Amino acid sequence: MTGAELKAEALETHEAGNGLLLLRARRAMLHVLLEQGTATADDVRNAVELPAGVNPKVFGTVPGVLVRAGIIRKAGSANSERPLRHAAPITVWELGDAGAAERWLMDHPDLDDPLPVQQELFPKEKAGAATPANTRETRHATRIPW
């Protein structure tokens, strides 16, 4: 396999296993772009919590769909501000089409399905009981607002 084929296969695997997370990450990126004009991976990581056990490389698939749709484009590069990234270079993205970004957000609403929740949030003594930790309202209140 070529490098491009391996990359395409990896991106497909990330997309298949993390669709809801990637949907929220793309929505976050578009909201930042619409509000600020530019966005980076740092903005996405600040807006969307990475569930335990999920490799942060999954966020590498976020811009591709939006680039291919003509919604965003590369605007340059910057150094990451996330301490764990040690000022590594990251891409700065800008809107290519604000109207298309708004349409994409309307066409791709956040889904009702919650992301995987850590087990300790659900009390074991009363499995299935409606407690503050497992009611629908509480779970939805903790999600990003988009």
C-alpha atoms as a PDB file:
ATOM      1  CA  MET A   1       0.000   0.000   0.000  1.00  0.00           C
ATOM      2  CA  THR A   2       1.122   3.543  -0.678  1.00  0.00           C
ATOM      3  CA  GLY A   3       1.343   6.198   1.998  1.00  0.00           C
ATOM      4  CA  ALA A   4      -1.751   7.918   0.601  1.00  0.00           C
ATOM      5  CA  GLU A   5      -3.704   4.648   0.705  1.00  0.00           C
ATOM      6  CA  LEU A   6      -2.633   3.982   4.290  1.00  0.00           C
ATOM      7  CA  LYS A   7      -3.684   7.497   5.276  1.00  0.00           C
ATOM      8  CA  ALA A   8      -7.074   7.109   3.581  1.00  0.00           C
ATOM      9  CA  GLU A   9      -7.621   3.789   5.360  1.00  0.00           C
ATOM     10  CA  ALA A  10      -6.713   5.280   8.750  1.00  0.00           C
ATOM     11  CA  LEU A  11      -9.000   8.273   8.210  1.00  0.00           C
ATOM     12  CA  GLU A  12     -11.855   5.954   7.229  1.00  0.00           C
ATOM     13  CA  THR A  13     -11.299   3.903  10.388  1.00  0.00           C
ATOM     14  CA  HIS A  14     -11.327   7.037  12.578  1.00  0.00           C
ATOM     15  CA  GLU A  15     -14.503   8.255  10.886  1.00  0.00           C
ATOM     16  CA  ALA A  16     -16.317   4.944  11.284  1.00  0.00           C
ATOM     17  CA  GLY A  17     -15.497   4.521  14.952  1.00  0.00           C
ATOM     18  CA  ASN A  18     -15.855   8.128  16.118  1.00  0.00           C
ATOM     19  CA  GLY A  19     -18.612   9.654  14.004  1.00  0.00           C
ATOM     20  CA  LEU A  20     -20.398  11.533  16.786  1.00  0.00           C
ATOM     21  CA  LEU A  21     -17.160  12.901  18.235  1.00  0.00           C
ATOM     22  CA  LEU A  22     -16.029  14.057  14.780  1.00  0.00           C
ATOM     23  CA  LEU A  23     -19.413  15.619  14.061  1.00  0.00           C
ATOM     24  CA  ARG A  24     -19.102  17.675  17.240  1.00  0.00           C
ATOM     25  CA  ALA A  25     -15.500  18.581  16.447  1.00  0.00           C
ATOM     26  CA  ARG A  26     -16.442  19.787  12.950  1.00  0.00           C
ATOM     27  CA  ARG A  27     -19.334  21.775  14.359  1.00  0.00           C
ATOM     28  CA  ALA A  28     -16.996  23.339  16.911  1.00  0.00           C
ATOM     29  CA  MET A  29     -14.475  24.232  14.213  1.00  0.00           C
ATOM     30  CA  LEU A  30     -17.133  25.882  12.072  1.00  0.00           C
ATOM     31  CA  HIS A  31     -18.523  27.852  15.008  1.00  0.00           C
ATOM     32  CA  VAL A  32     -15.039  29.166  15.828  1.00  0.00           C
ATOM     33  CA  LEU A  33     -14.454  30.046  12.178  1.00  0.00           C
ATOM     34  CA  LEU A  34     -17.762  31.876  11.914  1.00  0.00           C
ATOM     35  CA  GLU A  35     -17.048  33.803  15.120  1.00  0.00           C
ATOM     36  CA  GLN A  36     -13.314  34.490  14.754  1.00  0.00           C
ATOM     37  CA  GLY A  37     -12.451  34.040  11.083  1.00  0.00           C
ATOM     38  CA  THR A  38      -9.708  31.455  11.693  1.00  0.00           C
ATOM     39  CA  ALA A  39      -9.406  28.233  13.671  1.00  0.00           C
ATOM     40  CA  THR A  40      -6.816  25.600  14.557  1.00  0.00           C
ATOM     41  CA  ALA A  41      -6.775  22.134  16.064  1.00  0.00           C
ATOM     42  CA  ASP A  42      -6.200  23.849  19.416  1.00  0.00           C
ATOM     43  CA  ASP A  43      -9.608  25.528  19.104  1.00  0.00           C
ATOM     44  CA  VAL A  44     -11.261  22.177  18.443  1.00  0.00           C
ATOM     45  CA  ARG A  45      -9.494  20.507  21.370  1.00  0.00           C
ATOM     46  CA  ASN A  46     -10.558  23.374  23.653  1.00  0.00           C
ATOM     47  CA  ALA A  47     -14.205  23.035  22.589  1.00  0.00           C
ATOM     48  CA  VAL A  48     -14.665  19.260  22.441  1.00  0.00           C
ATOM     49  CA  GLU A  49     -13.650  16.947  25.250  1.00  0.00           C
ATOM     50  CA  LEU A  50     -11.790  13.845  24.147  1.00  0.00           C
ATOM     51  CA  PRO A  51     -13.391  10.782  25.772  1.00  0.00           C
ATOM     52  CA  ALA A  52     -11.125   8.543  27.828  1.00  0.00           C
ATOM     53  CA  GLY A  53      -9.387   5.941  25.709  1.00  0.00           C
ATOM     54  CA  VAL A  54      -9.776   7.805  22.404  1.00  0.00           C
ATOM     55  CA  ASN A  55      -6.551   8.679  20.594  1.00  0.00           C
ATOM     56  CA  PRO A  56      -6.313  12.456  20.027  1.00  0.00           C
ATOM     57  CA  LYS A  57      -5.132  11.752  16.478  1.00  0.00           C
ATOM     58  CA  VAL A  58      -8.799  11.182  15.665  1.00  0.00           C
ATOM     59  CA  PHE A  59      -9.131  14.979  15.430  1.00  0.00           C
ATOM     60  CA  GLY A  60      -6.818  14.897  12.416  1.00  0.00           C
ATOM     61  CA  THR A  61      -9.828  13.898  10.328  1.00  0.00           C
ATOM     62  CA  VAL A  62     -11.846  16.977  11.252  1.00  0.00           C
ATOM     63  CA  PRO A  63     -10.854  19.406   8.465  1.00  0.00           C
ATOM     64  CA  GLY A  64     -10.747  16.986   5.501  1.00  0.00           C
ATOM     65  CA  VAL A  65     -14.500  16.752   4.996  1.00  0.00           C
ATOM     66  CA  LEU A  66     -14.844  20.526   5.257  1.00  0.00           C
ATOM     67  CA  VAL A  67     -11.950  21.150   2.863  1.00  0.00           C
ATOM     68  CA  ARG A  68     -13.366  18.767   0.242  1.00  0.00           C
ATOM     69  CA  ALA A  69     -16.742  20.521   0.548  1.00  0.00           C
ATOM     70  CA  GLY A  70     -15.054  23.883  -0.182  1.00  0.00           C
ATOM     71  CA  ILE A  71     -16.116  25.280   3.194  1.00  0.00           C
ATOM     72  CA  ILE A  72     -12.642  25.858   4.663  1.00  0.00           C
ATOM     73  CA  ARG A  73      -9.111  26.250   3.346  1.00  0.00           C
ATOM     74  CA  LYS A  74      -5.604  26.477   4.722  1.00  0.00           C
ATOM     75  CA  ALA A  75      -4.573  29.997   5.703  1.00  0.00           C
ATOM     76  CA  GLY A  76      -1.103  29.263   7.046  1.00  0.00           C
ATOM     77  CA  SER A  77       0.418  27.724  10.111  1.00  0.00           C
ATOM     78  CA  ALA A  78       1.072  28.575  13.734  1.00  0.00           C
ATOM     79  CA  ASN A  79       2.603  26.897  16.735  1.00  0.00           C
ATOM     80  CA  SER A  80       0.254  24.981  19.005  1.00  0.00           C
ATOM     81  CA  GLU A  81      -0.491  26.647  22.308  1.00  0.00           C
ATOM     82  CA  ARG A  82      -1.334  23.346  23.994  1.00  0.00           C
ATOM     83  CA  PRO A  83       1.486  22.525  26.428  1.00  0.00           C
ATOM     84  CA  LEU A  84       1.447  18.825  25.523  1.00  0.00           C
ATOM     85  CA  ARG A  85       2.099  19.714  21.866  1.00  0.00           C
ATOM     86  CA  HIS A  86       5.360  21.544  22.714  1.00  0.00           C
ATOM     87  CA  ALA A  87       4.678  24.380  20.244  1.00  0.00           C
ATOM     88  CA  ALA A  88       4.431  21.948  17.306  1.00  0.00           C
ATOM     89  CA  PRO A  89       3.333  23.559  14.040  1.00  0.00           C
ATOM     90  CA  ILE A  90      -0.378  23.283  13.273  1.00  0.00           C
ATOM     91  CA  THR A  91      -2.523  24.451  10.366  1.00  0.00           C
ATOM     92  CA  VAL A  92      -4.523  27.651  10.600  1.00  0.00           C
ATOM     93  CA  TRP A  93      -7.846  27.300   8.769  1.00  0.00           C
ATOM     94  CA  GLU A  94     -10.097  30.012   7.344  1.00  0.00           C
ATOM     95  CA  LEU A  95     -13.578  30.012   5.887  1.00  0.00           C
ATOM     96  CA  GLY A  96     -13.815  29.564   2.158  1.00  0.00           C
ATOM     97  CA  ASP A  97     -17.588  29.986   2.152  1.00  0.00           C
ATOM     98  CA  ALA A  98     -19.460  31.252   5.241  1.00  0.00           C
ATOM     99  CA  GLY A  99     -22.854  30.459   3.716  1.00  0.00           C
ATOM    100  CA  ALA A 100     -21.778  26.873   3.067  1.00  0.00           C
ATOM    101  CA  ALA A 101     -20.532  26.632   6.672  1.00  0.00           C
ATOM    102  CA  GLU A 102     -23.920  27.745   7.993  1.00  0.00           C
ATOM    103  CA  ARG A 103     -25.717  25.294   5.688  1.00  0.00           C
ATOM    104  CA  TRP A 104     -23.396  22.473   6.805  1.00  0.00           C
ATOM    105  CA  LEU A 105     -24.233  23.224  10.441  1.00  0.00           C
ATOM    106  CA  MET A 106     -27.956  23.144   9.664  1.00  0.00           C
ATOM    107  CA  ASP A 107     -27.602  19.907   7.679  1.00  0.00           C
ATOM    108  CA  HIS A 108     -25.464  18.255  10.384  1.00  0.00           C
ATOM    109  CA  PRO A 109     -27.127  18.922  13.750  1.00  0.00           C
ATOM    110  CA  ASP A 110     -25.668  17.528  16.929  1.00  0.00           C
ATOM    111  CA  LEU A 111     -27.148  14.101  17.510  1.00  0.00           C
ATOM    112  CA  ASP A 112     -29.151  13.109  20.544  1.00  0.00           C
ATOM    113  CA  ASP A 113     -26.916  10.121  21.249  1.00  0.00           C
ATOM    114  CA  PRO A 114     -24.555  10.905  24.106  1.00  0.00           C
ATOM    115  CA  LEU A 115     -20.872  10.243  23.707  1.00  0.00           C
ATOM    116  CA  PRO A 116     -19.573   7.327  25.767  1.00  0.00           C
ATOM    117  CA  VAL A 117     -19.843   8.269  29.424  1.00  0.00           C
ATOM    118  CA  GLN A 118     -17.456   7.055  32.084  1.00  0.00           C
ATOM    119  CA  GLN A 119     -19.008   4.259  34.135  1.00  0.00           C
ATOM    120  CA  GLU A 120     -18.502   5.986  37.506  1.00  0.00           C
ATOM    121  CA  LEU A 121     -21.127   8.563  36.531  1.00  0.00           C
ATOM    122  CA  PHE A 122     -23.815   5.882  36.886  1.00  0.00           C
ATOM    123  CA  PRO A 123     -24.335   4.774  40.499  1.00  0.00           C
ATOM    124  CA  LYS A 124     -24.210   1.006  40.843  1.00  0.00           C
ATOM    125  CA  GLU A 125     -26.522   0.707  43.845  1.00  0.00           C
ATOM    126  CA  LYS A 126     -29.656   1.698  41.896  1.00  0.00           C
ATOM    127  CA  ALA A 127     -28.960   0.662  38.322  1.00  0.00           C
ATOM    128  CA  GLY A 128     -31.362   2.399  35.985  1.00  0.00           C
ATOM    129  CA  ALA A 129     -32.710   4.800  38.615  1.00  0.00           C
ATOM    130  CA  ALA A 130     -33.098   8.404  37.532  1.00  0.00           C
ATOM    131  CA  THR A 131     -30.352  10.129  39.488  1.00  0.00           C
ATOM    132  CA  PRO A 132     -28.800  13.516  38.686  1.00  0.00           C
ATOM    133  CA  ALA A 133     -25.883  11.733  36.991  1.00  0.00           C
ATOM    134  CA  ASN A 134     -27.921   9.715  34.522  1.00  0.00           C
ATOM    135  CA  THR A 135     -30.991  11.745  33.666  1.00  0.00           C
ATOM    136  CA  ARG A 136     -31.306  12.856  30.068  1.00  0.00           C
ATOM    137  CA  GLU A 137     -31.419  16.519  31.107  1.00  0.00           C
ATOM    138  CA  THR A 138     -28.154  16.299  33.066  1.00  0.00           C
ATOM    139  CA  ARG A 139     -26.312  14.464  30.302  1.00  0.00           C
ATOM    140  CA  HIS A 140     -27.450  16.983  27.689  1.00  0.00           C
ATOM    141  CA  ALA A 141     -26.602  19.976  29.877  1.00  0.00           C
ATOM    142  CA  THR A 142     -22.949  18.914  29.934  1.00  0.00           C
ATOM    143  CA  ARG A 143     -22.515  18.830  26.163  1.00  0.00           C
ATOM    144  CA  ILE A 144     -21.203  21.668  24.076  1.00  0.00           C
ATOM    145  CA  PRO A 145     -24.055  23.987  23.103  1.00  0.00           C
ATOM    146  CA  TRP A 146     -23.881  23.478  19.338  1.00  0.00           C
END
